[in-house]
Amino acid sequence: MMIEVLSTNDPVKLNFAEAVLRDAGVETVTLDAHTAATFGGAVPWIRRRLLVREEDAGKARLALAAAMPKDE
């Protein structure tokens, strides 16, 4: 099963999160990137979602929390 660890409209933030998780040894899957890019800012509720395997979710959340503080 896959677990969502990030949802964002910011492609730079998504790319950074993917790199952080790759460095942590966590495989990711990105959903809705094409749909969000197609509609651009016209439909802001279509967000890109970053998913990881359920067994990697804890490790992924810790890595993201260390690299991406909530206030950013």
PDB file of N, CA and C in Angstrom:
ATOM      1  N   MET A   1       0.841  -1.176   0.000  1.00  0.00           N
ATOM      2  CA  MET A   1       0.000   0.000   0.000  1.00  0.00           C
ATOM      3  C   MET A   1       0.886   1.239   0.000  1.00  0.00           C
ATOM      4  N   MET A   2       0.425   2.296  -0.642  1.00  0.00           N
ATOM      5  CA  MET A   2       1.170   3.551  -0.725  1.00  0.00           C
ATOM      6  C   MET A   2       0.532   4.582   0.208  1.00  0.00           C
ATOM      7  N   ILE A   3       1.389   5.407   0.813  1.00  0.00           N
ATOM      8  CA  ILE A   3       0.955   6.438   1.760  1.00  0.00           C
ATOM      9  C   ILE A   3       1.409   7.798   1.238  1.00  0.00           C
ATOM     10  N   GLU A   4       0.521   8.792   1.267  1.00  0.00           N
ATOM     11  CA  GLU A   4       0.874  10.148   0.866  1.00  0.00           C
ATOM     12  C   GLU A   4       1.682  10.823   1.975  1.00  0.00           C
ATOM     13  N   VAL A   5       2.839  11.382   1.612  1.00  0.00           N
ATOM     14  CA  VAL A   5       3.670  12.081   2.590  1.00  0.00           C
ATOM     15  C   VAL A   5       3.792  13.566   2.280  1.00  0.00           C
ATOM     16  N   LEU A   6       3.352  13.975   1.088  1.00  0.00           N
ATOM     17  CA  LEU A   6       3.404  15.391   0.723  1.00  0.00           C
ATOM     18  C   LEU A   6       2.375  15.666  -0.354  1.00  0.00           C
ATOM     19  N   SER A   7       1.726  16.807  -0.239  1.00  0.00           N
ATOM     20  CA  SER A   7       0.795  17.282  -1.243  1.00  0.00           C
ATOM     21  C   SER A   7       1.087  18.763  -1.445  1.00  0.00           C
ATOM     22  N   THR A   8       1.382  19.157  -2.689  1.00  0.00           N
ATOM     23  CA  THR A   8       1.781  20.544  -2.932  1.00  0.00           C
ATOM     24  C   THR A   8       1.467  20.969  -4.359  1.00  0.00           C
ATOM     25  N   ASN A   9       1.318  22.272  -4.544  1.00  0.00           N
ATOM     26  CA  ASN A   9       1.197  22.853  -5.874  1.00  0.00           C
ATOM     27  C   ASN A   9       2.539  23.397  -6.349  1.00  0.00           C
ATOM     28  N   ASP A  10       3.550  23.309  -5.510  1.00  0.00           N
ATOM     29  CA  ASP A  10       4.863  23.875  -5.792  1.00  0.00           C
ATOM     30  C   ASP A  10       5.785  22.799  -6.384  1.00  0.00           C
ATOM     31  N   PRO A  11       6.071  22.861  -7.696  1.00  0.00           N
ATOM     32  CA  PRO A  11       6.902  21.835  -8.303  1.00  0.00           C
ATOM     33  C   PRO A  11       8.342  21.830  -7.776  1.00  0.00           C
ATOM     34  N   VAL A  12       8.835  22.968  -7.330  1.00  0.00           N
ATOM     35  CA  VAL A  12      10.191  23.028  -6.772  1.00  0.00           C
ATOM     36  C   VAL A  12      10.236  22.292  -5.432  1.00  0.00           C
ATOM     37  N   LYS A  13       9.232  22.517  -4.603  1.00  0.00           N
ATOM     38  CA  LYS A  13       9.146  21.827  -3.308  1.00  0.00           C
ATOM     39  C   LYS A  13       9.027  20.318  -3.523  1.00  0.00           C
ATOM     40  N   LEU A  14       8.237  19.928  -4.498  1.00  0.00           N
ATOM     41  CA  LEU A  14       8.068  18.506  -4.800  1.00  0.00           C
ATOM     42  C   LEU A  14       9.391  17.890  -5.256  1.00  0.00           C
ATOM     43  N   ASN A  15      10.090  18.572  -6.150  1.00  0.00           N
ATOM     44  CA  ASN A  15      11.369  18.073  -6.636  1.00  0.00           C
ATOM     45  C   ASN A  15      12.375  17.942  -5.497  1.00  0.00           C
ATOM     46  N   PHE A  16      12.406  18.917  -4.606  1.00  0.00           N
ATOM     47  CA  PHE A  16      13.311  18.870  -3.456  1.00  0.00           C
ATOM     48  C   PHE A  16      12.961  17.681  -2.558  1.00  0.00           C
ATOM     49  N   ALA A  17      11.670  17.495  -2.286  1.00  0.00           N
ATOM     50  CA  ALA A  17      11.231  16.379  -1.440  1.00  0.00           C
ATOM     51  C   ALA A  17      11.606  15.041  -2.059  1.00  0.00           C
ATOM     52  N   GLU A  18      11.458  14.919  -3.370  1.00  0.00           N
ATOM     53  CA  GLU A  18      11.851  13.684  -4.058  1.00  0.00           C
ATOM     54  C   GLU A  18      13.347  13.430  -3.874  1.00  0.00           C
ATOM     55  N   ALA A  19      14.153  14.477  -3.990  1.00  0.00           N
ATOM     56  CA  ALA A  19      15.605  14.337  -3.824  1.00  0.00           C
ATOM     57  C   ALA A  19      15.964  13.943  -2.400  1.00  0.00           C
ATOM     58  N   VAL A  20      15.306  14.549  -1.423  1.00  0.00           N
ATOM     59  CA  VAL A  20      15.546  14.223  -0.014  1.00  0.00           C
ATOM     60  C   VAL A  20      15.235  12.750   0.238  1.00  0.00           C
ATOM     61  N   LEU A  21      14.119  12.300  -0.261  1.00  0.00           N
ATOM     62  CA  LEU A  21      13.723  10.905  -0.035  1.00  0.00           C
ATOM     63  C   LEU A  21      14.603   9.924  -0.805  1.00  0.00           C
ATOM     64  N   ARG A  22      15.005  10.305  -1.989  1.00  0.00           N
ATOM     65  CA  ARG A  22      15.931   9.445  -2.760  1.00  0.00           C
ATOM     66  C   ARG A  22      17.240   9.287  -1.990  1.00  0.00           C
ATOM     67  N   ASP A  23      17.755  10.403  -1.434  1.00  0.00           N
ATOM     68  CA  ASP A  23      18.984  10.348  -0.636  1.00  0.00           C
ATOM     69  C   ASP A  23      18.812   9.505   0.622  1.00  0.00           C
ATOM     70  N   ALA A  24      17.580   9.445   1.144  1.00  0.00           N
ATOM     71  CA  ALA A  24      17.289   8.650   2.334  1.00  0.00           C
ATOM     72  C   ALA A  24      17.022   7.183   1.985  1.00  0.00           C
ATOM     73  N   GLY A  25      17.051   6.864   0.695  1.00  0.00           N
ATOM     74  CA  GLY A  25      16.822   5.484   0.274  1.00  0.00           C
ATOM     75  C   GLY A  25      15.357   5.097   0.197  1.00  0.00           C
ATOM     76  N   VAL A  26      14.487   6.092   0.060  1.00  0.00           N
ATOM     77  CA  VAL A  26      13.045   5.847   0.007  1.00  0.00           C
ATOM     78  C   VAL A  26      12.563   6.053  -1.427  1.00  0.00           C
ATOM     79  N   GLU A  27      11.925   5.040  -1.989  1.00  0.00           N
ATOM     80  CA  GLU A  27      11.356   5.152  -3.332  1.00  0.00           C
ATOM     81  C   GLU A  27      10.051   5.931  -3.274  1.00  0.00           C
ATOM     82  N   THR A  28       9.812   6.766  -4.287  1.00  0.00           N
ATOM     83  CA  THR A  28       8.606   7.593  -4.315  1.00  0.00           C
ATOM     84  C   THR A  28       7.833   7.387  -5.606  1.00  0.00           C
ATOM     85  N   VAL A  29       6.563   7.759  -5.550  1.00  0.00           N
ATOM     86  CA  VAL A  29       5.699   7.815  -6.720  1.00  0.00           C
ATOM     87  C   VAL A  29       4.987   9.157  -6.644  1.00  0.00           C
ATOM     88  N   THR A  30       4.958   9.872  -7.762  1.00  0.00           N
ATOM     89  CA  THR A  30       4.270  11.157  -7.801  1.00  0.00           C
ATOM     90  C   THR A  30       2.982  11.008  -8.597  1.00  0.00           C
ATOM     91  N   LEU A  31       1.880  11.446  -8.002  1.00  0.00           N
ATOM     92  CA  LEU A  31       0.579  11.399  -8.659  1.00  0.00           C
ATOM     93  C   LEU A  31       0.103  12.813  -8.982  1.00  0.00           C
ATOM     94  N   ASP A  32      -0.643  12.948 -10.037  1.00  0.00           N
ATOM     95  CA  ASP A  32      -1.316  14.180 -10.442  1.00  0.00           C
ATOM     96  C   ASP A  32      -0.382  15.276 -10.950  1.00  0.00           C
ATOM     97  N   ALA A  33       0.886  14.963 -11.204  1.00  0.00           N
ATOM     98  CA  ALA A  33       1.809  15.988 -11.701  1.00  0.00           C
ATOM     99  C   ALA A  33       1.373  16.496 -13.078  1.00  0.00           C
ATOM    100  N   HIS A  34       1.000  15.571 -13.959  1.00  0.00           N
ATOM    101  CA  HIS A  34       0.601  15.985 -15.303  1.00  0.00           C
ATOM    102  C   HIS A  34      -0.693  16.799 -15.263  1.00  0.00           C
ATOM    103  N   THR A  35      -1.657  16.362 -14.481  1.00  0.00           N
ATOM    104  CA  THR A  35      -2.922  17.078 -14.381  1.00  0.00           C
ATOM    105  C   THR A  35      -2.709  18.471 -13.813  1.00  0.00           C
ATOM    106  N   ALA A  36      -1.912  18.582 -12.755  1.00  0.00           N
ATOM    107  CA  ALA A  36      -1.643  19.888 -12.155  1.00  0.00           C
ATOM    108  C   ALA A  36      -0.919  20.796 -13.140  1.00  0.00           C
ATOM    109  N   ALA A  37       0.027  20.263 -13.893  1.00  0.00           N
ATOM    110  CA  ALA A  37       0.767  21.064 -14.866  1.00  0.00           C
ATOM    111  C   ALA A  37      -0.137  21.497 -16.024  1.00  0.00           C
ATOM    112  N   THR A  38      -1.041  20.628 -16.436  1.00  0.00           N
ATOM    113  CA  THR A  38      -1.940  20.942 -17.542  1.00  0.00           C
ATOM    114  C   THR A  38      -2.851  22.109 -17.201  1.00  0.00           C
ATOM    115  N   PHE A  39      -3.389  22.098 -15.988  1.00  0.00           N
ATOM    116  CA  PHE A  39      -4.315  23.147 -15.600  1.00  0.00           C
ATOM    117  C   PHE A  39      -3.629  24.343 -14.949  1.00  0.00           C
ATOM    118  N   GLY A  40      -2.342  24.195 -14.655  1.00  0.00           N
ATOM    119  CA  GLY A  40      -1.579  25.305 -14.083  1.00  0.00           C
ATOM    120  C   GLY A  40      -2.217  25.858 -12.832  1.00  0.00           C
ATOM    121  N   GLY A  41      -2.202  27.162 -12.688  1.00  0.00           N
ATOM    122  CA  GLY A  41      -2.776  27.813 -11.517  1.00  0.00           C
ATOM    123  C   GLY A  41      -4.276  28.002 -11.596  1.00  0.00           C
ATOM    124  N   ALA A  42      -4.868  27.633 -12.726  1.00  0.00           N
ATOM    125  CA  ALA A  42      -6.305  27.844 -12.905  1.00  0.00           C
ATOM    126  C   ALA A  42      -7.142  26.970 -11.978  1.00  0.00           C
ATOM    127  N   VAL A  43      -6.611  25.834 -11.576  1.00  0.00           N
ATOM    128  CA  VAL A  43      -7.337  24.906 -10.710  1.00  0.00           C
ATOM    129  C   VAL A  43      -6.425  24.551  -9.536  1.00  0.00           C
ATOM    130  N   PRO A  44      -6.349  25.416  -8.527  1.00  0.00           N
ATOM    131  CA  PRO A  44      -5.362  25.221  -7.451  1.00  0.00           C
ATOM    132  C   PRO A  44      -5.621  24.018  -6.554  1.00  0.00           C
ATOM    133  N   TRP A  45      -6.784  23.444  -6.593  1.00  0.00           N
ATOM    134  CA  TRP A  45      -7.046  22.308  -5.708  1.00  0.00           C
ATOM    135  C   TRP A  45      -6.502  20.995  -6.276  1.00  0.00           C
ATOM    136  N   ILE A  46      -5.989  21.002  -7.501  1.00  0.00           N
ATOM    137  CA  ILE A  46      -5.319  19.815  -8.040  1.00  0.00           C
ATOM    138  C   ILE A  46      -3.856  19.911  -7.642  1.00  0.00           C
ATOM    139  N   ARG A  47      -3.498  19.132  -6.649  1.00  0.00           N
ATOM    140  CA  ARG A  47      -2.152  19.181  -6.095  1.00  0.00           C
ATOM    141  C   ARG A  47      -1.374  17.933  -6.488  1.00  0.00           C
ATOM    142  N   ARG A  48      -0.082  18.107  -6.618  1.00  0.00           N
ATOM    143  CA  ARG A  48       0.803  16.965  -6.855  1.00  0.00           C
ATOM    144  C   ARG A  48       0.945  16.221  -5.529  1.00  0.00           C
ATOM    145  N   ARG A  49       0.886  14.895  -5.577  1.00  0.00           N
ATOM    146  CA  ARG A  49       0.976  14.098  -4.358  1.00  0.00           C
ATOM    147  C   ARG A  49       2.173  13.163  -4.440  1.00  0.00           C
ATOM    148  N   LEU A  50       2.936  13.139  -3.360  1.00  0.00           N
ATOM    149  CA  LEU A  50       4.115  12.289  -3.268  1.00  0.00           C
ATOM    150  C   LEU A  50       3.792  11.125  -2.342  1.00  0.00           C
ATOM    151  N   LEU A  51       3.916   9.915  -2.872  1.00  0.00           N
ATOM    152  CA  LEU A  51       3.588   8.710  -2.115  1.00  0.00           C
ATOM    153  C   LEU A  51       4.819   7.840  -1.916  1.00  0.00           C
ATOM    154  N   VAL A  52       4.813   7.105  -0.807  1.00  0.00           N
ATOM    155  CA  VAL A  52       5.871   6.145  -0.502  1.00  0.00           C
ATOM    156  C   VAL A  52       5.206   4.853  -0.041  1.00  0.00           C
ATOM    157  N   ARG A  53       5.983   3.776  -0.024  1.00  0.00           N
ATOM    158  CA  ARG A  53       5.442   2.522   0.505  1.00  0.00           C
ATOM    159  C   ARG A  53       5.112   2.697   1.980  1.00  0.00           C
ATOM    160  N   GLU A  54       4.093   2.015   2.425  1.00  0.00           N
ATOM    161  CA  GLU A  54       3.631   2.126   3.807  1.00  0.00           C
ATOM    162  C   GLU A  54       4.761   1.867   4.803  1.00  0.00           C
ATOM    163  N   GLU A  55       5.599   0.887   4.544  1.00  0.00           N
ATOM    164  CA  GLU A  55       6.683   0.568   5.475  1.00  0.00           C
ATOM    165  C   GLU A  55       7.775   1.636   5.499  1.00  0.00           C
ATOM    166  N   ASP A  56       7.809   2.519   4.497  1.00  0.00           N
ATOM    167  CA  ASP A  56       8.789   3.606   4.455  1.00  0.00           C
ATOM    168  C   ASP A  56       8.228   4.944   4.923  1.00  0.00           C
ATOM    169  N   ALA A  57       6.952   4.993   5.259  1.00  0.00           N
ATOM    170  CA  ALA A  57       6.297   6.264   5.578  1.00  0.00           C
ATOM    171  C   ALA A  57       6.944   6.977   6.771  1.00  0.00           C
ATOM    172  N   GLY A  58       7.245   6.257   7.839  1.00  0.00           N
ATOM    173  CA  GLY A  58       7.862   6.875   9.007  1.00  0.00           C
ATOM    174  C   GLY A  58       9.219   7.467   8.680  1.00  0.00           C
ATOM    175  N   LYS A  59      10.039   6.701   7.985  1.00  0.00           N
ATOM    176  CA  LYS A  59      11.364   7.171   7.576  1.00  0.00           C
ATOM    177  C   LYS A  59      11.237   8.390   6.659  1.00  0.00           C
ATOM    178  N   ALA A  60      10.287   8.348   5.741  1.00  0.00           N
ATOM    179  CA  ALA A  60      10.074   9.454   4.814  1.00  0.00           C
ATOM    180  C   ALA A  60       9.642  10.727   5.548  1.00  0.00           C
ATOM    181  N   ARG A  61       8.720  10.590   6.464  1.00  0.00           N
ATOM    182  CA  ARG A  61       8.248  11.768   7.221  1.00  0.00           C
ATOM    183  C   ARG A  61       9.363  12.387   8.053  1.00  0.00           C
ATOM    184  N   LEU A  62      10.189  11.545   8.663  1.00  0.00           N
ATOM    185  CA  LEU A  62      11.326  12.063   9.442  1.00  0.00           C
ATOM    186  C   LEU A  62      12.309  12.808   8.540  1.00  0.00           C
ATOM    187  N   ALA A  63      12.625  12.239   7.387  1.00  0.00           N
ATOM    188  CA  ALA A  63      13.555  12.879   6.454  1.00  0.00           C
ATOM    189  C   ALA A  63      13.002  14.209   5.958  1.00  0.00           C
ATOM    190  N   LEU A  64      11.708  14.242   5.629  1.00  0.00           N
ATOM    191  CA  LEU A  64      11.110  15.480   5.149  1.00  0.00           C
ATOM    192  C   LEU A  64      11.025  16.532   6.245  1.00  0.00           C
ATOM    193  N   ALA A  65      10.709  16.112   7.466  1.00  0.00           N
ATOM    194  CA  ALA A  65      10.619  17.058   8.578  1.00  0.00           C
ATOM    195  C   ALA A  65      11.988  17.704   8.861  1.00  0.00           C
ATOM    196  N   ALA A  66      13.052  16.917   8.733  1.00  0.00           N
ATOM    197  CA  ALA A  66      14.400  17.447   8.966  1.00  0.00           C
ATOM    198  C   ALA A  66      14.820  18.404   7.855  1.00  0.00           C
ATOM    199  N   ALA A  67      14.421  18.126   6.628  1.00  0.00           N
ATOM    200  CA  ALA A  67      14.864  18.928   5.475  1.00  0.00           C
ATOM    201  C   ALA A  67      13.947  20.096   5.151  1.00  0.00           C
ATOM    202  N   MET A  68      12.666  19.974   5.550  1.00  0.00           N
ATOM    203  CA  MET A  68      11.669  20.975   5.166  1.00  0.00           C
ATOM    204  C   MET A  68      10.823  21.386   6.365  1.00  0.00           C
ATOM    205  N   PRO A  69      11.305  22.337   7.164  1.00  0.00           N
ATOM    206  CA  PRO A  69      10.507  22.797   8.309  1.00  0.00           C
ATOM    207  C   PRO A  69       9.130  23.272   7.864  1.00  0.00           C
ATOM    208  N   LYS A  70       8.152  23.143   8.727  1.00  0.00           N
ATOM    209  CA  LYS A  70       6.758  23.468   8.404  1.00  0.00           C
ATOM    210  C   LYS A  70       6.556  24.916   7.956  1.00  0.00           C
ATOM    211  N   ASP A  71       7.344  25.844   8.475  1.00  0.00           N
ATOM    212  CA  ASP A  71       7.113  27.246   8.170  1.00  0.00           C
ATOM    213  C   ASP A  71       7.626  27.648   6.776  1.00  0.00           C
ATOM    214  N   GLU A  72       8.190  26.725   6.029  1.00  0.00           N
ATOM    215  CA  GLU A  72       8.685  27.058   4.688  1.00  0.00           C
ATOM    216  C   GLU A  72       7.674  26.657   3.642  1.00  0.00           C
TER     217      GLU A  72
END
